[in-house]
C-alpha atoms as a PDB file:
ATOM      1  CA  UNK A   1       0.000   0.000   0.000  1.00  0.00           C
ATOM      2  CA  UNK A   2       2.851   2.375   0.853  1.00  0.00           C
ATOM      3  CA  UNK A   3       4.482   1.777  -2.511  1.00  0.00           C
ATOM      4  CA  UNK A   4       1.242   2.306  -4.423  1.00  0.00           C
ATOM      5  CA  UNK A   5       0.515   5.551  -2.573  1.00  0.00           C
ATOM      6  CA  UNK A   6       4.048   6.844  -3.175  1.00  0.00           C
ATOM      7  CA  UNK A   7       3.994   5.836  -6.836  1.00  0.00           C
ATOM      8  CA  UNK A   8       0.648   7.551  -7.290  1.00  0.00           C
ATOM      9  CA  UNK A   9       1.953  10.716  -5.626  1.00  0.00           C
ATOM     10  CA  UNK A  10       5.022  10.748  -7.916  1.00  0.00           C
ATOM     11  CA  UNK A  11       2.901  10.082 -10.999  1.00  0.00           C
ATOM     12  CA  UNK A  12       0.558  12.952 -10.143  1.00  0.00           C
ATOM     13  CA  UNK A  13       3.513  15.270  -9.444  1.00  0.00           C
ATOM     14  CA  UNK A  14       5.149  14.363 -12.765  1.00  0.00           C
ATOM     15  CA  UNK A  15       1.890  14.816 -14.686  1.00  0.00           C
ATOM     16  CA  UNK A  16       1.299  18.208 -13.074  1.00  0.00           C
ATOM     17  CA  UNK A  17       4.910  19.127 -13.864  1.00  0.00           C
ATOM     18  CA  UNK A  18       4.651  18.371 -17.563  1.00  0.00           C
ATOM     19  CA  UNK A  19       1.112  19.680 -18.093  1.00  0.00           C
ATOM     20  CA  UNK A  20       0.072  22.509 -15.770  1.00  0.00           C
ATOM     21  CA  UNK A  21       3.213  23.796 -14.049  1.00  0.00           C
ATOM     22  CA  UNK A  22       4.194  25.989 -16.987  1.00  0.00           C
ATOM     23  CA  UNK A  23       1.014  27.976 -16.398  1.00  0.00           C
ATOM     24  CA  UNK A  24       2.419  29.090 -13.023  1.00  0.00           C
ATOM     25  CA  UNK A  25       5.380  30.939 -14.540  1.00  0.00           C
ATOM     26  CA  UNK A  26       6.859  33.817 -12.557  1.00  0.00           C
ATOM     27  CA  UNK A  27      10.039  35.666 -13.593  1.00  0.00           C
ATOM     28  CA  UNK A  28      10.528  33.265 -16.536  1.00  0.00           C
ATOM     29  CA  UNK A  29      10.563  30.169 -14.272  1.00  0.00           C
ATOM     30  CA  UNK A  30       7.877  27.704 -13.296  1.00  0.00           C
ATOM     31  CA  UNK A  31       7.897  25.357 -10.328  1.00  0.00           C
ATOM     32  CA  UNK A  32       9.492  21.949 -10.570  1.00  0.00           C
ATOM     33  CA  UNK A  33       6.680  20.080  -8.856  1.00  0.00           C
ATOM     34  CA  UNK A  34       8.542  16.777  -8.750  1.00  0.00           C
ATOM     35  CA  UNK A  35      11.578  18.372  -7.097  1.00  0.00           C
ATOM     36  CA  UNK A  36       9.406  20.104  -4.501  1.00  0.00           C
ATOM     37  CA  UNK A  37       7.492  16.889  -3.733  1.00  0.00           C
ATOM     38  CA  UNK A  38      10.705  14.834  -3.478  1.00  0.00           C
ATOM     39  CA  UNK A  39      12.224  17.326  -1.047  1.00  0.00           C
ATOM     40  CA  UNK A  40       8.987  17.442   0.977  1.00  0.00           C
ATOM     41  CA  UNK A  41       8.894  13.625   1.069  1.00  0.00           C
ATOM     42  CA  UNK A  42      12.525  13.500   2.141  1.00  0.00           C
ATOM     43  CA  UNK A  43      11.852  16.044   4.877  1.00  0.00           C
ATOM     44  CA  UNK A  44       8.760  14.243   6.198  1.00  0.00           C
ATOM     45  CA  UNK A  45       9.470  10.572   5.432  1.00  0.00           C
ATOM     46  CA  UNK A  46      13.267  10.363   5.693  1.00  0.00           C
ATOM     47  CA  UNK A  47      16.241   9.980   3.391  1.00  0.00           C
ATOM     48  CA  UNK A  48      15.480   6.464   2.181  1.00  0.00           C
ATOM     49  CA  UNK A  49      11.997   7.434   1.020  1.00  0.00           C
ATOM     50  CA  UNK A  50      13.320  10.622  -0.564  1.00  0.00           C
ATOM     51  CA  UNK A  51      15.977   8.738  -2.521  1.00  0.00           C
ATOM     52  CA  UNK A  52      13.475   6.132  -3.681  1.00  0.00           C
ATOM     53  CA  UNK A  53      10.914   8.659  -4.864  1.00  0.00           C
ATOM     54  CA  UNK A  54      13.582  10.984  -6.230  1.00  0.00           C
ATOM     55  CA  UNK A  55      14.769   8.223  -8.531  1.00  0.00           C
ATOM     56  CA  UNK A  56      11.213   7.333  -9.555  1.00  0.00           C
ATOM     57  CA  UNK A  57      10.244  10.953 -10.161  1.00  0.00           C
ATOM     58  CA  UNK A  58      13.437  11.557 -12.107  1.00  0.00           C
ATOM     59  CA  UNK A  59      12.752   8.623 -14.410  1.00  0.00           C
ATOM     60  CA  UNK A  60       9.232   9.946 -15.003  1.00  0.00           C
ATOM     61  CA  UNK A  61      10.653  13.356 -15.933  1.00  0.00           C
ATOM     62  CA  UNK A  62      13.338  11.761 -18.110  1.00  0.00           C
ATOM     63  CA  UNK A  63      10.657   9.898 -20.048  1.00  0.00           C
ATOM     64  CA  UNK A  64       9.232  13.267 -21.069  1.00  0.00           C
ATOM     65  CA  UNK A  65      12.552  15.040 -21.759  1.00  0.00           C
ATOM     66  CA  UNK A  66      14.818  14.948 -24.781  1.00  0.00           C
ATOM     67  CA  UNK A  67      17.942  12.920 -24.243  1.00  0.00           C
ATOM     68  CA  UNK A  68      18.683   9.721 -22.347  1.00  0.00           C
ATOM     69  CA  UNK A  69      17.144   8.357 -19.177  1.00  0.00           C
ATOM     70  CA  UNK A  70      18.964   9.342 -16.042  1.00  0.00           C
ATOM     71  CA  UNK A  71      19.888  13.033 -15.761  1.00  0.00           C
ATOM     72  CA  UNK A  72      16.724  14.102 -13.919  1.00  0.00           C
ATOM     73  CA  UNK A  73      16.905  11.053 -11.674  1.00  0.00           C
ATOM     74  CA  UNK A  74      20.532  11.780 -10.730  1.00  0.00           C
ATOM     75  CA  UNK A  75      19.708  15.453 -10.163  1.00  0.00           C
ATOM     76  CA  UNK A  76      16.775  14.583  -7.881  1.00  0.00           C
ATOM     77  CA  UNK A  77      18.893  12.029  -6.017  1.00  0.00           C
ATOM     78  CA  UNK A  78      21.443  14.755  -5.252  1.00  0.00           C
ATOM     79  CA  UNK A  79      18.718  16.987  -3.814  1.00  0.00           C
ATOM     80  CA  UNK A  80      17.171  14.164  -1.795  1.00  0.00           C
ATOM     81  CA  UNK A  81      20.562  13.158  -0.384  1.00  0.00           C
ATOM     82  CA  UNK A  82      21.430  16.687   0.745  1.00  0.00           C
ATOM     83  CA  UNK A  83      17.950  17.178   2.197  1.00  0.00           C
ATOM     84  CA  UNK A  84      18.106  13.852   4.056  1.00  0.00           C
ATOM     85  CA  UNK A  85      21.418  14.857   5.594  1.00  0.00           C
ATOM     86  CA  UNK A  86      20.051  18.325   6.415  1.00  0.00           C
ATOM     87  CA  UNK A  87      16.844  17.002   8.007  1.00  0.00           C
ATOM     88  CA  UNK A  88      18.731  14.446  10.063  1.00  0.00           C
ATOM     89  CA  UNK A  89      21.150  16.971  11.553  1.00  0.00           C
ATOM     90  CA  UNK A  90      19.148  20.170  12.012  1.00  0.00           C
ATOM     91  CA  UNK A  91      15.934  21.371  13.633  1.00  0.00           C
ATOM     92  CA  UNK A  92      13.092  19.676  11.759  1.00  0.00           C
ATOM     93  CA  UNK A  93      10.421  21.989  13.139  1.00  0.00           C
ATOM     94  CA  UNK A  94      11.810  25.237  11.764  1.00  0.00           C
ATOM     95  CA  UNK A  95       9.941  26.382   8.634  1.00  0.00           C
ATOM     96  CA  UNK A  96      13.146  27.931   7.279  1.00  0.00           C
ATOM     97  CA  UNK A  97      15.090  24.680   7.011  1.00  0.00           C
ATOM     98  CA  UNK A  98      12.820  22.966   4.440  1.00  0.00           C
ATOM     99  CA  UNK A  99      12.737  26.175   2.398  1.00  0.00           C
ATOM    100  CA  UNK A 100      16.521  26.338   2.507  1.00  0.00           C
ATOM    101  CA  UNK A 101      16.788  22.651   1.627  1.00  0.00           C
ATOM    102  CA  UNK A 102      14.623  23.029  -1.467  1.00  0.00           C
ATOM    103  CA  UNK A 103      16.560  26.140  -2.536  1.00  0.00           C
ATOM    104  CA  UNK A 104      19.902  24.319  -2.215  1.00  0.00           C
ATOM    105  CA  UNK A 105      18.419  21.266  -3.938  1.00  0.00           C
ATOM    106  CA  UNK A 106      17.235  23.464  -6.803  1.00  0.00           C
ATOM    107  CA  UNK A 107      20.764  24.760  -7.310  1.00  0.00           C
ATOM    108  CA  UNK A 108      22.185  21.202  -7.228  1.00  0.00           C
ATOM    109  CA  UNK A 109      19.457  19.985  -9.581  1.00  0.00           C
ATOM    110  CA  UNK A 110      20.260  22.740 -12.065  1.00  0.00           C
ATOM    111  CA  UNK A 111      24.013  22.119 -11.858  1.00  0.00           C
ATOM    112  CA  UNK A 112      23.597  18.401 -12.495  1.00  0.00           C
ATOM    113  CA  UNK A 113      21.282  18.981 -15.464  1.00  0.00           C
ATOM    114  CA  UNK A 114      23.571  21.603 -16.999  1.00  0.00           C
ATOM    115  CA  UNK A 115      26.604  19.336 -16.525  1.00  0.00           C
ATOM    116  CA  UNK A 116      24.825  16.342 -18.044  1.00  0.00           C
ATOM    117  CA  UNK A 117      23.603  18.421 -20.989  1.00  0.00           C
ATOM    118  CA  UNK A 118      27.156  19.643 -21.499  1.00  0.00           C
ATOM    119  CA  UNK A 119      28.539  16.093 -21.473  1.00  0.00           C
ATOM    120  CA  UNK A 120      25.796  14.912 -23.844  1.00  0.00           C
ATOM    121  CA  UNK A 121      26.378  17.924 -26.118  1.00  0.00           C
ATOM    122  CA  UNK A 122      22.805  19.128 -25.716  1.00  0.00           C
ATOM    123  CA  UNK A 123      22.129  22.870 -25.837  1.00  0.00           C
ATOM    124  CA  UNK A 124      22.757  24.724 -22.579  1.00  0.00           C
ATOM    125  CA  UNK A 125      21.952  28.314 -21.613  1.00  0.00           C
ATOM    126  CA  UNK A 126      24.589  30.982 -21.192  1.00  0.00           C
ATOM    127  CA  UNK A 127      26.154  31.236 -17.741  1.00  0.00           C
ATOM    128  CA  UNK A 128      24.310  34.480 -16.895  1.00  0.00           C
ATOM    129  CA  UNK A 129      20.971  33.039 -17.983  1.00  0.00           C
ATOM    130  CA  UNK A 130      21.562  29.812 -16.058  1.00  0.00           C
ATOM    131  CA  UNK A 131      22.424  31.703 -12.873  1.00  0.00           C
ATOM    132  CA  UNK A 132      19.412  34.001 -13.207  1.00  0.00           C
ATOM    133  CA  UNK A 133      16.964  31.142 -13.848  1.00  0.00           C
ATOM    134  CA  UNK A 134      18.445  28.943 -11.111  1.00  0.00           C
ATOM    135  CA  UNK A 135      18.265  31.667  -8.464  1.00  0.00           C
ATOM    136  CA  UNK A 136      14.719  32.624  -9.475  1.00  0.00           C
ATOM    137  CA  UNK A 137      13.668  28.958  -9.352  1.00  0.00           C
ATOM    138  CA  UNK A 138      15.337  28.486  -5.951  1.00  0.00           C
ATOM    139  CA  UNK A 139      13.394  31.433  -4.519  1.00  0.00           C
ATOM    140  CA  UNK A 140      10.150  30.261  -6.124  1.00  0.00           C
ATOM    141  CA  UNK A 141      10.578  26.738  -4.748  1.00  0.00           C
ATOM    142  CA  UNK A 142      11.452  28.060  -1.285  1.00  0.00           C
ATOM    143  CA  UNK A 143       8.263  30.116  -1.290  1.00  0.00           C
ATOM    144  CA  UNK A 144       6.176  27.083  -2.289  1.00  0.00           C
ATOM    145  CA  UNK A 145       7.780  24.679   0.185  1.00  0.00           C
ATOM    146  CA  UNK A 146       5.545  25.410   3.221  1.00  0.00           C
ATOM    147  CA  UNK A 147       2.443  24.620   1.144  1.00  0.00           C
ATOM    148  CA  UNK A 148       4.108  21.507  -0.265  1.00  0.00           C
ATOM    149  CA  UNK A 149       4.990  20.270   3.218  1.00  0.00           C
ATOM    150  CA  UNK A 150       1.410  20.649   4.363  1.00  0.00           C
ATOM    151  CA  UNK A 151       0.112  18.834   1.286  1.00  0.00           C
ATOM    152  CA  UNK A 152       2.653  16.006   1.498  1.00  0.00           C
ATOM    153  CA  UNK A 153       2.129  15.530   5.238  1.00  0.00           C
ATOM    154  CA  UNK A 154      -1.597  15.272   4.611  1.00  0.00           C
ATOM    155  CA  UNK A 155      -1.210  12.930   1.631  1.00  0.00           C
ATOM    156  CA  UNK A 156       1.285  10.626   3.354  1.00  0.00           C
ATOM    157  CA  UNK A 157      -0.184  10.472   6.846  1.00  0.00           C
ATOM    158  CA  UNK A 158       0.624   7.002   8.170  1.00  0.00           C
ATOM    159  CA  UNK A 159       2.834   6.001   5.212  1.00  0.00           C
ATOM    160  CA  UNK A 160       6.303   6.345   6.758  1.00  0.00           C
ATOM    161  CA  UNK A 161       8.764   4.195   4.840  1.00  0.00           C
ATOM    162  CA  UNK A 162      11.338   4.739   7.561  1.00  0.00           C
ATOM    163  CA  UNK A 163      11.216   6.674  10.814  1.00  0.00           C
ATOM    164  CA  UNK A 164      12.165  10.265  10.129  1.00  0.00           C
ATOM    165  CA  UNK A 165      15.000  11.459  12.317  1.00  0.00           C
ATOM    166  CA  UNK A 166      13.942  13.580  15.294  1.00  0.00           C
END
């Protein structure tokens, strides 16, 4: 049941990402719903759950992106790993920590995707454009994180894959 609920949550996040999220554009960026949900799951369910669903969500995004399977999954795994470490070692009740975790994860996610696109010889934005879009996305994701935490806590009540660290 836990797996089905998590898979359904990731599928919905990925579908929202590739269909409706572009309608929420602010400052030339739109929210990465899968990234936000993965970080919220990592914060509420623990690192193991975050890594699992980060990989699944990344594969779902990769299926919709040009290029090979893997870059989005690796990028989401980086964010989930950092967030799991962050949540385990800092105050979990502070509303600023999850917002900071998603902002840092957004920067890591962008760096991994740009690096993989560079290696694969896919088009990449100029440095100034990449920095501007990454910082705008990090701020946007940080602003959305409190709402995402509430939604994920509600959707996953009773579905802990591992005990979250105190």
